[in-house]
Amino acid sequence: MSNVLTSIEQFLYRKSEYCDRQQWDEYLALFDEESEFHIPQWDSEHIHTTDPKREMSLIYYPNRAGLEDRVFRIRTGKSAACTPMPRTLHLINNVQGEEQEDGTWLVKANWITHFYRFGESEAFFGRVEYRLRPDNDSWKVCRKQAILLNDKIRHVLDFYHV
């Protein structure tokens, strides 16, 4: 099991590096075509929304096409929110995983993303839960849900911040 968790950690580090280096093709390739990407909104002090189809979310893409659209907008300059593109540095720790009955892995971790834009450095931080499936000698993201723990969002929040 420790070899599997090491493999998962390396996968998450690689995913973070692709994002930080803005290697979008490599980043997107790590997501299954049907992968869900969700950042719920807080409903109260300690309870976040759980149903992205009925409740508010900070970001929700029902499949990889949502991420692909964001990358297209970044590349073509059609996203004012990403101009200029911030520099990011993702840090991941406390990675825990458990194999599920269907062969996928439920993986939980903590994260912090430092970002620099317009002469200011800030950070988003929180917890993340992945559903990963084996893919040859690596993994594919089937679902990502990031819980943002910041109380205030002073800048635009996008997929590359989590």
N, C-alpha and C. Protein backbone atom coordinates (compact mmCIF):
# COMPACT_ATOMS: atom_id res chain seq x y z
N MET A 1 0.82 -1.20 0.00
CA MET A 1 0.00 0.00 0.00
C MET A 1 0.86 1.26 0.00
N SER A 2 2.00 1.23 0.70
CA SER A 2 2.83 2.43 0.74
C SER A 2 3.37 2.77 -0.65
N ASN A 3 3.64 1.75 -1.50
CA ASN A 3 4.07 2.02 -2.87
C ASN A 3 2.98 2.73 -3.65
N VAL A 4 1.73 2.36 -3.40
CA VAL A 4 0.61 3.00 -4.09
C VAL A 4 0.49 4.45 -3.63
N LEU A 5 0.57 4.69 -2.33
CA LEU A 5 0.47 6.07 -1.83
C LEU A 5 1.63 6.92 -2.32
N THR A 6 2.81 6.35 -2.41
CA THR A 6 3.95 7.08 -2.96
C THR A 6 3.68 7.44 -4.42
N SER A 7 3.13 6.52 -5.17
CA SER A 7 2.78 6.77 -6.57
C SER A 7 1.73 7.87 -6.67
N ILE A 8 0.74 7.85 -5.78
CA ILE A 8 -0.30 8.88 -5.77
C ILE A 8 0.30 10.25 -5.41
N GLU A 9 1.16 10.28 -4.40
CA GLU A 9 1.81 11.54 -4.04
C GLU A 9 2.59 12.10 -5.21
N GLN A 10 3.36 11.26 -5.89
CA GLN A 10 4.15 11.72 -7.03
C GLN A 10 3.24 12.24 -8.15
N PHE A 11 2.11 11.59 -8.34
CA PHE A 11 1.13 12.04 -9.33
C PHE A 11 0.62 13.44 -8.96
N LEU A 12 0.27 13.64 -7.71
CA LEU A 12 -0.24 14.95 -7.27
C LEU A 12 0.83 16.04 -7.38
N TYR A 13 2.07 15.69 -7.06
CA TYR A 13 3.16 16.66 -7.22
C TYR A 13 3.35 17.03 -8.69
N ARG A 14 3.28 16.03 -9.57
CA ARG A 14 3.42 16.27 -11.01
C ARG A 14 2.28 17.16 -11.51
N LYS A 15 1.05 16.87 -11.07
CA LYS A 15 -0.10 17.68 -11.46
C LYS A 15 0.10 19.14 -11.03
N SER A 16 0.58 19.33 -9.82
CA SER A 16 0.84 20.69 -9.32
C SER A 16 1.91 21.39 -10.14
N GLU A 17 2.97 20.65 -10.46
CA GLU A 17 4.05 21.26 -11.25
C GLU A 17 3.56 21.66 -12.64
N TYR A 18 2.77 20.81 -13.28
CA TYR A 18 2.22 21.16 -14.59
C TYR A 18 1.40 22.44 -14.50
N CYS A 19 0.62 22.56 -13.46
CA CYS A 19 -0.20 23.76 -13.28
C CYS A 19 0.69 24.98 -13.04
N ASP A 20 1.67 24.86 -12.14
CA ASP A 20 2.55 25.99 -11.83
C ASP A 20 3.35 26.44 -13.05
N ARG A 21 3.73 25.50 -13.88
CA ARG A 21 4.51 25.84 -15.08
C ARG A 21 3.62 26.16 -16.28
N GLN A 22 2.31 26.11 -16.05
CA GLN A 22 1.31 26.39 -17.09
C GLN A 22 1.48 25.47 -18.30
N GLN A 23 1.79 24.22 -18.01
CA GLN A 23 1.88 23.18 -19.04
C GLN A 23 0.49 22.57 -19.15
N TRP A 24 -0.40 23.30 -19.81
CA TRP A 24 -1.83 22.98 -19.78
C TRP A 24 -2.18 21.66 -20.45
N ASP A 25 -1.52 21.30 -21.53
CA ASP A 25 -1.84 20.03 -22.19
C ASP A 25 -1.53 18.86 -21.25
N GLU A 26 -0.38 18.90 -20.60
CA GLU A 26 0.00 17.85 -19.67
C GLU A 26 -0.94 17.84 -18.46
N TYR A 27 -1.31 19.02 -17.98
CA TYR A 27 -2.23 19.13 -16.85
C TYR A 27 -3.58 18.52 -17.19
N LEU A 28 -4.15 18.91 -18.31
CA LEU A 28 -5.47 18.40 -18.70
C LEU A 28 -5.46 16.90 -18.93
N ALA A 29 -4.35 16.37 -19.43
CA ALA A 29 -4.26 14.93 -19.72
C ALA A 29 -4.37 14.09 -18.45
N LEU A 30 -4.16 14.68 -17.30
CA LEU A 30 -4.26 13.94 -16.04
C LEU A 30 -5.70 13.74 -15.59
N PHE A 31 -6.63 14.42 -16.24
CA PHE A 31 -8.04 14.33 -15.88
C PHE A 31 -8.78 13.42 -16.86
N ASP A 32 -9.59 12.53 -16.33
CA ASP A 32 -10.47 11.71 -17.15
C ASP A 32 -11.45 12.64 -17.87
N GLU A 33 -11.89 12.24 -19.06
CA GLU A 33 -12.82 13.09 -19.82
C GLU A 33 -14.11 13.37 -19.05
N GLU A 34 -14.51 12.46 -18.18
CA GLU A 34 -15.75 12.64 -17.40
C GLU A 34 -15.48 13.16 -15.99
N SER A 35 -14.26 13.62 -15.74
CA SER A 35 -13.92 14.05 -14.38
C SER A 35 -14.70 15.30 -13.97
N GLU A 36 -15.14 15.27 -12.73
CA GLU A 36 -15.88 16.39 -12.14
C GLU A 36 -14.90 17.24 -11.34
N PHE A 37 -15.05 18.56 -11.43
CA PHE A 37 -14.19 19.51 -10.72
C PHE A 37 -15.11 20.42 -9.92
N HIS A 38 -14.95 20.44 -8.60
CA HIS A 38 -15.91 21.14 -7.77
C HIS A 38 -15.23 21.88 -6.62
N ILE A 39 -15.57 23.14 -6.46
CA ILE A 39 -15.19 23.92 -5.29
C ILE A 39 -16.49 24.45 -4.70
N PRO A 40 -16.98 23.81 -3.64
CA PRO A 40 -18.26 24.24 -3.06
C PRO A 40 -18.14 25.58 -2.34
N GLN A 41 -19.27 26.19 -2.16
CA GLN A 41 -19.36 27.44 -1.41
C GLN A 41 -19.71 27.10 0.03
N TRP A 42 -19.31 27.96 0.95
CA TRP A 42 -19.68 27.75 2.34
C TRP A 42 -21.14 28.12 2.53
N ASP A 43 -21.88 27.23 3.20
CA ASP A 43 -23.29 27.46 3.50
C ASP A 43 -23.43 28.15 4.85
N SER A 44 -22.55 27.80 5.78
CA SER A 44 -22.48 28.43 7.10
C SER A 44 -21.03 28.34 7.57
N GLU A 45 -20.78 28.69 8.79
CA GLU A 45 -19.41 28.75 9.30
C GLU A 45 -18.61 27.46 9.11
N HIS A 46 -19.26 26.30 9.25
CA HIS A 46 -18.53 25.03 9.17
C HIS A 46 -19.17 24.03 8.21
N ILE A 47 -20.12 24.46 7.43
CA ILE A 47 -20.82 23.55 6.51
C ILE A 47 -20.76 24.13 5.10
N HIS A 48 -20.28 23.32 4.17
CA HIS A 48 -20.24 23.77 2.77
C HIS A 48 -21.35 23.06 1.99
N THR A 49 -21.65 23.61 0.84
CA THR A 49 -22.67 23.00 -0.01
C THR A 49 -22.15 21.65 -0.51
N THR A 50 -23.06 20.75 -0.86
CA THR A 50 -22.66 19.41 -1.28
C THR A 50 -23.20 19.02 -2.65
N ASP A 51 -24.23 19.68 -3.12
CA ASP A 51 -24.84 19.31 -4.40
C ASP A 51 -24.65 20.45 -5.40
N PRO A 52 -23.64 20.33 -6.26
CA PRO A 52 -23.35 21.43 -7.18
C PRO A 52 -24.44 21.69 -8.20
N LYS A 53 -25.36 20.77 -8.37
CA LYS A 53 -26.45 20.97 -9.33
C LYS A 53 -27.62 21.71 -8.72
N ARG A 54 -27.66 21.79 -7.39
CA ARG A 54 -28.78 22.47 -6.71
C ARG A 54 -28.35 23.62 -5.82
N GLU A 55 -27.07 23.64 -5.44
CA GLU A 55 -26.59 24.65 -4.51
C GLU A 55 -25.44 25.44 -5.15
N MET A 56 -25.12 26.57 -4.56
CA MET A 56 -24.07 27.44 -5.09
C MET A 56 -22.69 26.80 -4.92
N SER A 57 -21.86 27.02 -5.90
CA SER A 57 -20.47 26.58 -5.86
C SER A 57 -19.59 27.74 -6.29
N LEU A 58 -18.35 27.74 -5.83
CA LEU A 58 -17.39 28.73 -6.31
C LEU A 58 -16.96 28.37 -7.73
N ILE A 59 -16.76 27.08 -7.98
CA ILE A 59 -16.46 26.58 -9.33
C ILE A 59 -17.09 25.20 -9.44
N TYR A 60 -17.71 24.93 -10.56
CA TYR A 60 -18.21 23.57 -10.82
C TYR A 60 -18.15 23.28 -12.31
N TYR A 61 -17.44 22.22 -12.66
CA TYR A 61 -17.41 21.70 -14.02
C TYR A 61 -17.84 20.24 -13.94
N PRO A 62 -18.90 19.86 -14.62
CA PRO A 62 -19.36 18.47 -14.54
C PRO A 62 -18.45 17.48 -15.26
N ASN A 63 -17.55 17.99 -16.13
CA ASN A 63 -16.59 17.12 -16.82
C ASN A 63 -15.39 17.95 -17.25
N ARG A 64 -14.41 17.30 -17.85
CA ARG A 64 -13.16 17.95 -18.21
C ARG A 64 -13.34 19.10 -19.20
N ALA A 65 -14.43 19.11 -19.94
CA ALA A 65 -14.67 20.18 -20.92
C ALA A 65 -14.65 21.56 -20.26
N GLY A 66 -15.08 21.65 -19.01
CA GLY A 66 -15.04 22.94 -18.31
C GLY A 66 -13.61 23.43 -18.12
N LEU A 67 -12.72 22.53 -17.72
CA LEU A 67 -11.31 22.89 -17.60
C LEU A 67 -10.71 23.22 -18.97
N GLU A 68 -11.07 22.45 -19.97
CA GLU A 68 -10.56 22.71 -21.32
C GLU A 68 -10.99 24.08 -21.82
N ASP A 69 -12.21 24.49 -21.51
CA ASP A 69 -12.69 25.81 -21.90
C ASP A 69 -11.89 26.91 -21.20
N ARG A 70 -11.61 26.73 -19.90
CA ARG A 70 -10.81 27.74 -19.18
C ARG A 70 -9.42 27.85 -19.79
N VAL A 71 -8.81 26.72 -20.11
CA VAL A 71 -7.47 26.74 -20.71
C VAL A 71 -7.53 27.43 -22.07
N PHE A 72 -8.56 27.15 -22.87
CA PHE A 72 -8.72 27.82 -24.16
C PHE A 72 -8.79 29.33 -23.97
N ARG A 73 -9.56 29.79 -23.00
CA ARG A 73 -9.69 31.22 -22.75
C ARG A 73 -8.38 31.85 -22.29
N ILE A 74 -7.63 31.11 -21.48
CA ILE A 74 -6.32 31.60 -21.04
C ILE A 74 -5.38 31.73 -22.24
N ARG A 75 -5.33 30.69 -23.06
CA ARG A 75 -4.40 30.69 -24.20
C ARG A 75 -4.74 31.74 -25.24
N THR A 76 -6.00 32.03 -25.43
CA THR A 76 -6.40 32.97 -26.47
C THR A 76 -6.54 34.40 -25.97
N GLY A 77 -6.30 34.60 -24.67
CA GLY A 77 -6.41 35.94 -24.11
C GLY A 77 -7.85 36.39 -23.92
N LYS A 78 -8.79 35.46 -23.98
CA LYS A 78 -10.21 35.81 -23.86
C LYS A 78 -10.70 35.79 -22.42
N SER A 79 -9.77 35.68 -21.48
CA SER A 79 -10.14 35.70 -20.07
C SER A 79 -9.48 36.89 -19.41
N ALA A 80 -10.26 37.94 -19.21
CA ALA A 80 -9.72 39.14 -18.56
C ALA A 80 -9.25 38.83 -17.14
N ALA A 81 -9.89 37.85 -16.50
CA ALA A 81 -9.53 37.47 -15.14
C ALA A 81 -8.12 36.89 -15.06
N CYS A 82 -7.59 36.42 -16.19
CA CYS A 82 -6.28 35.77 -16.20
C CYS A 82 -5.22 36.63 -16.88
N THR A 83 -5.51 37.89 -17.05
CA THR A 83 -4.56 38.77 -17.73
C THR A 83 -4.11 39.86 -16.77
N PRO A 84 -2.86 39.85 -16.33
CA PRO A 84 -1.85 38.85 -16.63
C PRO A 84 -2.07 37.58 -15.80
N MET A 85 -1.54 36.50 -16.30
CA MET A 85 -1.64 35.22 -15.61
C MET A 85 -0.79 35.26 -14.34
N PRO A 86 -1.36 34.90 -13.19
CA PRO A 86 -0.54 34.91 -11.97
C PRO A 86 0.49 33.79 -11.96
N ARG A 87 1.54 34.00 -11.22
CA ARG A 87 2.50 32.93 -10.95
C ARG A 87 1.99 32.18 -9.73
N THR A 88 2.04 30.86 -9.77
CA THR A 88 1.54 30.06 -8.66
C THR A 88 2.58 29.06 -8.18
N LEU A 89 2.43 28.66 -6.93
CA LEU A 89 3.24 27.61 -6.35
C LEU A 89 2.33 26.78 -5.45
N HIS A 90 2.08 25.55 -5.86
CA HIS A 90 1.21 24.63 -5.12
C HIS A 90 2.04 23.78 -4.15
N LEU A 91 1.58 23.68 -2.92
CA LEU A 91 2.20 22.81 -1.93
C LEU A 91 1.13 21.85 -1.43
N ILE A 92 1.49 20.58 -1.32
CA ILE A 92 0.55 19.53 -0.92
C ILE A 92 1.16 18.77 0.24
N ASN A 93 0.32 18.45 1.24
CA ASN A 93 0.82 17.60 2.33
C ASN A 93 -0.30 16.77 2.93
N ASN A 94 0.07 15.91 3.85
CA ASN A 94 -0.87 15.03 4.56
C ASN A 94 -1.72 14.21 3.59
N VAL A 95 -1.07 13.63 2.60
CA VAL A 95 -1.78 12.82 1.60
C VAL A 95 -2.17 11.48 2.23
N GLN A 96 -3.45 11.17 2.14
CA GLN A 96 -3.98 9.91 2.65
C GLN A 96 -4.85 9.28 1.58
N GLY A 97 -4.81 7.98 1.46
CA GLY A 97 -5.61 7.32 0.43
C GLY A 97 -6.16 5.99 0.88
N GLU A 98 -7.27 5.64 0.27
CA GLU A 98 -7.90 4.36 0.59
C GLU A 98 -8.51 3.80 -0.69
N GLU A 99 -8.17 2.55 -0.98
CA GLU A 99 -8.72 1.90 -2.17
C GLU A 99 -10.21 1.64 -1.96
N GLN A 100 -10.99 1.89 -3.01
CA GLN A 100 -12.43 1.67 -2.97
C GLN A 100 -12.77 0.33 -3.61
N GLU A 101 -13.98 -0.14 -3.40
CA GLU A 101 -14.39 -1.44 -3.93
C GLU A 101 -14.30 -1.52 -5.45
N ASP A 102 -14.48 -0.38 -6.13
CA ASP A 102 -14.45 -0.39 -7.60
C ASP A 102 -13.03 -0.26 -8.17
N GLY A 103 -12.01 -0.27 -7.30
CA GLY A 103 -10.63 -0.18 -7.76
C GLY A 103 -10.09 1.23 -7.83
N THR A 104 -10.95 2.23 -7.67
CA THR A 104 -10.47 3.61 -7.61
C THR A 104 -9.93 3.88 -6.22
N TRP A 105 -9.28 5.03 -6.07
CA TRP A 105 -8.75 5.43 -4.77
C TRP A 105 -9.37 6.75 -4.35
N LEU A 106 -9.81 6.81 -3.10
CA LEU A 106 -10.27 8.05 -2.49
C LEU A 106 -9.05 8.64 -1.79
N VAL A 107 -8.65 9.82 -2.24
CA VAL A 107 -7.43 10.44 -1.74
C VAL A 107 -7.77 11.80 -1.14
N LYS A 108 -7.26 12.04 0.05
CA LYS A 108 -7.46 13.32 0.73
C LYS A 108 -6.11 13.94 0.99
N ALA A 109 -6.05 15.28 0.93
CA ALA A 109 -4.80 15.99 1.19
C ALA A 109 -5.12 17.41 1.63
N ASN A 110 -4.12 18.07 2.16
CA ASN A 110 -4.19 19.50 2.44
C ASN A 110 -3.37 20.21 1.37
N TRP A 111 -3.72 21.46 1.09
CA TRP A 111 -3.00 22.20 0.05
C TRP A 111 -2.94 23.68 0.39
N ILE A 112 -1.94 24.31 -0.15
CA ILE A 112 -1.85 25.77 -0.14
C ILE A 112 -1.26 26.18 -1.48
N THR A 113 -1.83 27.21 -2.05
CA THR A 113 -1.31 27.75 -3.31
C THR A 113 -0.94 29.20 -3.09
N HIS A 114 0.35 29.47 -3.20
CA HIS A 114 0.82 30.85 -3.16
C HIS A 114 0.72 31.39 -4.58
N PHE A 115 0.29 32.64 -4.71
CA PHE A 115 0.22 33.23 -6.04
C PHE A 115 0.64 34.69 -5.99
N TYR A 116 1.20 35.12 -7.11
CA TYR A 116 1.71 36.48 -7.24
C TYR A 116 1.09 37.12 -8.47
N ARG A 117 0.49 38.29 -8.26
CA ARG A 117 -0.14 39.02 -9.36
C ARG A 117 -0.27 40.48 -8.97
N PHE A 118 -0.03 41.35 -9.90
CA PHE A 118 -0.17 42.80 -9.69
C PHE A 118 0.67 43.29 -8.50
N GLY A 119 1.86 42.72 -8.34
CA GLY A 119 2.76 43.17 -7.28
C GLY A 119 2.40 42.69 -5.89
N GLU A 120 1.45 41.78 -5.79
CA GLU A 120 1.04 41.26 -4.49
C GLU A 120 1.16 39.74 -4.45
N SER A 121 1.55 39.25 -3.28
CA SER A 121 1.62 37.81 -3.07
C SER A 121 0.57 37.42 -2.04
N GLU A 122 -0.22 36.41 -2.36
CA GLU A 122 -1.26 35.94 -1.46
C GLU A 122 -1.32 34.42 -1.52
N ALA A 123 -2.27 33.86 -0.79
CA ALA A 123 -2.39 32.40 -0.78
C ALA A 123 -3.85 31.99 -0.62
N PHE A 124 -4.19 30.91 -1.30
CA PHE A 124 -5.43 30.18 -1.05
C PHE A 124 -5.01 28.87 -0.39
N PHE A 125 -5.85 28.36 0.51
CA PHE A 125 -5.50 27.11 1.18
C PHE A 125 -6.76 26.34 1.53
N GLY A 126 -6.58 25.03 1.73
CA GLY A 126 -7.73 24.21 2.09
C GLY A 126 -7.43 22.73 2.09
N ARG A 127 -8.51 21.99 1.92
CA ARG A 127 -8.45 20.52 1.85
C ARG A 127 -8.95 20.11 0.46
N VAL A 128 -8.50 18.94 0.02
CA VAL A 128 -8.94 18.44 -1.27
C VAL A 128 -9.23 16.95 -1.16
N GLU A 129 -10.20 16.53 -1.93
CA GLU A 129 -10.53 15.11 -2.01
C GLU A 129 -10.58 14.73 -3.49
N TYR A 130 -9.83 13.70 -3.84
CA TYR A 130 -9.78 13.19 -5.20
C TYR A 130 -10.39 11.80 -5.27
N ARG A 131 -10.92 11.48 -6.41
CA ARG A 131 -11.22 10.10 -6.77
C ARG A 131 -10.28 9.84 -7.94
N LEU A 132 -9.34 8.90 -7.77
CA LEU A 132 -8.36 8.58 -8.79
C LEU A 132 -8.57 7.16 -9.26
N ARG A 133 -8.34 6.95 -10.56
CA ARG A 133 -8.37 5.59 -11.08
C ARG A 133 -7.01 5.27 -11.67
N PRO A 134 -6.58 4.02 -11.53
CA PRO A 134 -5.31 3.64 -12.13
C PRO A 134 -5.35 3.83 -13.65
N ASP A 135 -4.23 4.29 -14.21
CA ASP A 135 -4.12 4.49 -15.65
C ASP A 135 -2.71 4.08 -16.07
N ASN A 136 -2.57 2.84 -16.53
CA ASN A 136 -1.26 2.26 -16.83
C ASN A 136 -0.37 2.36 -15.60
N ASP A 137 0.74 3.08 -15.68
CA ASP A 137 1.63 3.20 -14.52
C ASP A 137 1.42 4.52 -13.78
N SER A 138 0.27 5.17 -14.01
CA SER A 138 -0.03 6.44 -13.36
C SER A 138 -1.49 6.45 -12.90
N TRP A 139 -2.09 7.63 -12.89
CA TRP A 139 -3.44 7.81 -12.40
C TRP A 139 -4.18 8.81 -13.27
N LYS A 140 -5.50 8.77 -13.21
CA LYS A 140 -6.37 9.78 -13.83
C LYS A 140 -7.30 10.31 -12.75
N VAL A 141 -7.54 11.61 -12.78
CA VAL A 141 -8.48 12.22 -11.85
C VAL A 141 -9.89 11.99 -12.38
N CYS A 142 -10.73 11.33 -11.59
CA CYS A 142 -12.14 11.14 -11.93
C CYS A 142 -13.01 12.21 -11.27
N ARG A 143 -12.52 12.73 -10.15
CA ARG A 143 -13.25 13.77 -9.43
C ARG A 143 -12.28 14.53 -8.55
N LYS A 144 -12.47 15.84 -8.49
CA LYS A 144 -11.68 16.67 -7.58
C LYS A 144 -12.63 17.62 -6.89
N GLN A 145 -12.62 17.60 -5.56
CA GLN A 145 -13.39 18.57 -4.79
C GLN A 145 -12.43 19.25 -3.83
N ALA A 146 -12.25 20.54 -4.02
CA ALA A 146 -11.37 21.33 -3.16
C ALA A 146 -12.22 22.20 -2.25
N ILE A 147 -11.95 22.13 -0.97
CA ILE A 147 -12.63 22.96 0.02
C ILE A 147 -11.71 24.13 0.33
N LEU A 148 -12.13 25.32 -0.06
CA LEU A 148 -11.35 26.53 0.18
C LEU A 148 -11.62 27.00 1.60
N LEU A 149 -10.56 27.18 2.39
CA LEU A 149 -10.72 27.57 3.78
C LEU A 149 -10.51 29.07 4.01
N ASN A 150 -10.11 29.80 2.99
CA ASN A 150 -9.97 31.25 3.15
C ASN A 150 -11.33 31.87 3.49
N ASP A 151 -11.30 32.85 4.38
CA ASP A 151 -12.54 33.57 4.71
C ASP A 151 -12.87 34.63 3.67
N LYS A 152 -11.84 35.22 3.10
CA LYS A 152 -12.05 36.27 2.11
C LYS A 152 -11.33 35.91 0.82
N ILE A 153 -11.99 36.19 -0.27
CA ILE A 153 -11.39 35.99 -1.59
C ILE A 153 -11.23 37.38 -2.20
N ARG A 154 -10.01 37.92 -2.11
CA ARG A 154 -9.77 39.29 -2.57
C ARG A 154 -9.48 39.36 -4.07
N HIS A 155 -9.13 38.23 -4.66
CA HIS A 155 -8.80 38.19 -6.08
C HIS A 155 -9.64 37.11 -6.75
N VAL A 156 -9.62 37.11 -8.04
CA VAL A 156 -10.35 36.09 -8.80
C VAL A 156 -9.83 34.70 -8.41
N LEU A 157 -10.76 33.79 -8.20
CA LEU A 157 -10.42 32.40 -7.92
C LEU A 157 -10.65 31.60 -9.19
N ASP A 158 -9.65 30.81 -9.58
CA ASP A 158 -9.79 29.99 -10.78
C ASP A 158 -9.21 28.60 -10.49
N PHE A 159 -9.37 27.70 -11.45
CA PHE A 159 -8.94 26.31 -11.24
C PHE A 159 -7.48 26.20 -10.89
N TYR A 160 -6.62 27.09 -11.41
CA TYR A 160 -5.20 26.99 -11.19
C TYR A 160 -4.79 27.46 -9.78
N HIS A 161 -5.73 27.95 -8.99
CA HIS A 161 -5.43 28.36 -7.62
C HIS A 161 -5.57 27.21 -6.63
N VAL A 162 -6.19 26.09 -7.04
CA VAL A 162 -6.44 25.00 -6.08
C VAL A 162 -5.79 23.70 -6.53
